[in-house]
Amino acid sequence: MSLLGFETLLFVLAFALLVGGVIGSITPQVPGALVSLAGVYLYWVASGMTEPGTVLLALLTLVGLLTWAVDIAGGAVAARVGGASNWTAVLAGVVALVLFFVTGPLGILLGVAGTVFVVEFYRQDDIRGSAKAALVTTIGMLASGVVQALLTASILVTMVAVAVL
């Protein structure tokens, strides 16, 4: 394979990673932000470490790390905002991880909502408070996915602009 063919392959792989990052951001348990950052850095290496420039590379890295933080903490923050305890948030995270392998995305949402409701009802004996915590957690998880998709899509769009301009 010629050097030009190898560079082209790297650029194609970089954009495949960037698109995969957006898809991964809406797929549970897939670190879309990290996949997007891998695409950014592969593109940077393939360009001879010239594109994107240093400032833009740093900004894209910050956006990627922010997106990763939203991915990691989104559900737990939503659970806490909804009034759930730290223990409930941790337990719901474990349930989400197990259900990912058994039921997929819908099962994760329903399982986490059910876990938060049951644990909080057991803790507080308050059906309204438990329902609120479960609802806020579920909405927060969905909102977290939307934020992740928007942020990884912004990384993709920026890199398309870098490649075209």
Protein backbone atom coordinates (compact mmCIF):
# COMPACT_ATOMS: atom_id res chain seq x y z
CA MET A 1 0.00 0.00 0.00
CA SER A 2 1.39 3.38 -0.90
CA LEU A 3 1.90 6.14 1.62
CA LEU A 4 -0.94 8.15 0.04
CA GLY A 5 -3.24 5.11 0.30
CA PHE A 6 -2.32 4.63 3.95
CA GLU A 7 -3.04 8.30 4.77
CA THR A 8 -6.39 8.06 3.00
CA LEU A 9 -7.20 4.94 5.01
CA LEU A 10 -6.36 6.79 8.26
CA PHE A 11 -8.63 9.71 7.31
CA VAL A 12 -11.47 7.32 6.47
CA LEU A 13 -10.97 5.48 9.77
CA ALA A 14 -10.92 8.82 11.62
CA PHE A 15 -14.30 9.79 10.19
CA ALA A 16 -15.68 6.31 10.85
CA LEU A 17 -14.69 6.80 14.50
CA LEU A 18 -16.28 10.26 14.56
CA VAL A 19 -19.57 8.90 13.19
CA GLY A 20 -19.28 5.93 15.55
CA GLY A 21 -18.87 8.38 18.42
CA VAL A 22 -22.20 10.02 17.63
CA ILE A 23 -23.91 6.63 17.36
CA GLY A 24 -22.16 5.47 20.52
CA SER A 25 -23.36 8.51 22.43
CA ILE A 26 -26.95 7.30 22.11
CA THR A 27 -26.09 3.65 22.68
CA PRO A 28 -25.91 2.65 26.35
CA GLN A 29 -22.54 1.53 27.69
CA VAL A 30 -20.65 2.75 24.58
CA PRO A 31 -18.25 5.62 25.32
CA GLY A 32 -19.22 7.79 22.35
CA ALA A 33 -17.12 10.71 23.55
CA LEU A 34 -13.97 8.63 23.74
CA VAL A 35 -14.63 7.12 20.31
CA SER A 36 -15.07 10.67 18.94
CA LEU A 37 -11.81 11.77 20.55
CA ALA A 38 -10.06 8.76 19.02
CA GLY A 39 -11.32 9.97 15.63
CA VAL A 40 -10.08 13.50 16.26
CA TYR A 41 -6.64 12.32 17.29
CA LEU A 42 -6.37 9.80 14.45
CA TYR A 43 -7.18 12.61 12.00
CA TRP A 44 -4.61 14.82 13.70
CA VAL A 45 -1.91 12.13 13.39
CA ALA A 46 -2.88 11.38 9.77
CA SER A 47 -2.53 15.08 8.90
CA GLY A 48 1.02 15.15 10.20
CA MET A 49 -0.16 16.69 13.48
CA THR A 50 -1.16 19.91 11.75
CA GLU A 51 -4.95 19.71 11.47
CA PRO A 52 -6.84 20.58 13.56
CA GLY A 53 -4.59 23.27 14.97
CA THR A 54 -3.43 23.21 18.57
CA VAL A 55 -6.15 25.50 19.94
CA LEU A 56 -8.97 23.68 18.14
CA LEU A 57 -7.52 20.31 19.17
CA ALA A 58 -7.52 21.47 22.81
CA LEU A 59 -11.13 22.72 22.52
CA LEU A 60 -12.31 19.50 20.89
CA THR A 61 -10.56 17.54 23.63
CA LEU A 62 -12.36 19.61 26.28
CA VAL A 63 -15.72 19.05 24.56
CA GLY A 64 -14.98 15.33 24.40
CA LEU A 65 -14.03 15.16 28.07
CA LEU A 66 -17.15 17.15 29.02
CA THR A 67 -19.24 14.72 26.99
CA TRP A 68 -17.57 11.78 28.74
CA ALA A 69 -18.33 13.37 32.13
CA VAL A 70 -22.00 13.75 31.12
CA ASP A 71 -22.00 10.09 30.11
CA ILE A 72 -20.52 8.93 33.40
CA ALA A 73 -22.39 11.20 35.80
CA GLY A 74 -25.65 11.99 33.99
CA GLY A 75 -27.80 9.24 35.49
CA ALA A 76 -26.39 9.59 38.99
CA VAL A 77 -26.81 13.37 38.98
CA ALA A 78 -30.39 12.99 37.75
CA ALA A 79 -31.11 10.46 40.51
CA ARG A 80 -29.73 12.85 43.15
CA VAL A 81 -31.70 15.79 41.70
CA GLY A 82 -34.83 13.64 41.86
CA GLY A 83 -34.22 13.03 45.55
CA ALA A 84 -32.69 9.56 45.41
CA SER A 85 -29.88 8.60 47.77
CA ASN A 86 -26.30 7.92 46.69
CA TRP A 87 -26.87 4.24 47.45
CA THR A 88 -29.91 4.20 45.16
CA ALA A 89 -27.94 5.87 42.37
CA VAL A 90 -25.12 3.32 42.67
CA LEU A 91 -27.54 0.40 42.76
CA ALA A 92 -29.40 1.76 39.73
CA GLY A 93 -26.07 1.99 37.89
CA VAL A 94 -25.32 -1.66 38.64
CA VAL A 95 -28.81 -2.67 37.48
CA ALA A 96 -28.27 -0.66 34.26
CA LEU A 97 -25.00 -2.45 33.60
CA VAL A 98 -26.54 -5.89 34.12
CA LEU A 99 -29.64 -5.08 32.08
CA PHE A 100 -27.53 -3.79 29.20
CA PHE A 101 -26.43 -7.36 28.53
CA VAL A 102 -29.91 -8.82 29.00
CA THR A 103 -32.52 -6.38 27.71
CA GLY A 104 -30.95 -3.48 25.84
CA PRO A 105 -31.76 0.24 26.07
CA LEU A 106 -35.48 0.03 26.92
CA GLY A 107 -34.78 -2.51 29.65
CA ILE A 108 -32.11 -0.23 31.07
CA LEU A 109 -34.52 2.71 31.32
CA LEU A 110 -37.32 0.63 32.81
CA GLY A 111 -34.94 -1.25 35.11
CA VAL A 112 -33.31 1.91 36.43
CA ALA A 113 -36.68 3.62 36.94
CA GLY A 114 -38.01 0.53 38.72
CA THR A 115 -34.90 0.22 40.88
CA VAL A 116 -35.00 3.86 41.92
CA PHE A 117 -38.71 3.63 42.70
CA VAL A 118 -38.46 0.41 44.73
CA VAL A 119 -35.35 1.38 46.69
CA GLU A 120 -36.59 4.88 47.46
CA PHE A 121 -40.01 3.56 48.48
CA TYR A 122 -38.32 1.06 50.79
CA ARG A 123 -36.14 3.82 52.26
CA GLN A 124 -38.78 6.51 52.69
CA ASP A 125 -42.19 4.79 52.50
CA ASP A 126 -43.31 7.67 50.27
CA ILE A 127 -44.93 6.65 47.00
CA ARG A 128 -44.98 10.20 45.55
CA GLY A 129 -41.36 10.89 46.44
CA SER A 130 -40.31 7.53 45.03
CA ALA A 131 -42.22 8.11 41.81
CA LYS A 132 -40.69 11.58 41.48
CA ALA A 133 -37.17 10.22 41.97
CA ALA A 134 -37.77 7.48 39.37
CA LEU A 135 -39.29 9.92 36.87
CA VAL A 136 -36.56 12.55 37.26
CA THR A 137 -33.87 9.86 36.97
CA THR A 138 -35.40 8.50 33.75
CA ILE A 139 -35.79 11.97 32.23
CA GLY A 140 -32.24 12.79 33.27
CA MET A 141 -30.88 9.66 31.61
CA LEU A 142 -32.70 10.53 28.38
CA ALA A 143 -31.53 14.15 28.56
CA SER A 144 -27.98 12.97 29.16
CA GLY A 145 -28.15 10.94 25.95
CA VAL A 146 -29.42 13.95 24.00
CA VAL A 147 -26.64 16.17 25.36
CA GLN A 148 -24.04 13.52 24.51
CA ALA A 149 -25.41 13.16 20.97
CA LEU A 150 -25.35 16.93 20.43
CA LEU A 151 -21.81 17.29 21.76
CA THR A 152 -20.39 14.38 19.74
CA ALA A 153 -22.26 15.65 16.67
CA SER A 154 -20.63 19.06 17.19
CA ILE A 155 -17.22 17.35 17.22
CA LEU A 156 -18.10 15.54 13.97
CA VAL A 157 -19.34 18.73 12.28
CA THR A 158 -16.23 20.62 13.37
CA MET A 159 -13.96 17.92 11.97
CA VAL A 160 -15.90 17.90 8.69
CA ALA A 161 -15.30 21.66 8.51
CA VAL A 162 -11.59 21.10 9.23
CA ALA A 163 -11.39 18.56 6.40
CA VAL A 164 -13.30 20.67 3.89
CA LEU A 165 -11.89 24.11 4.62
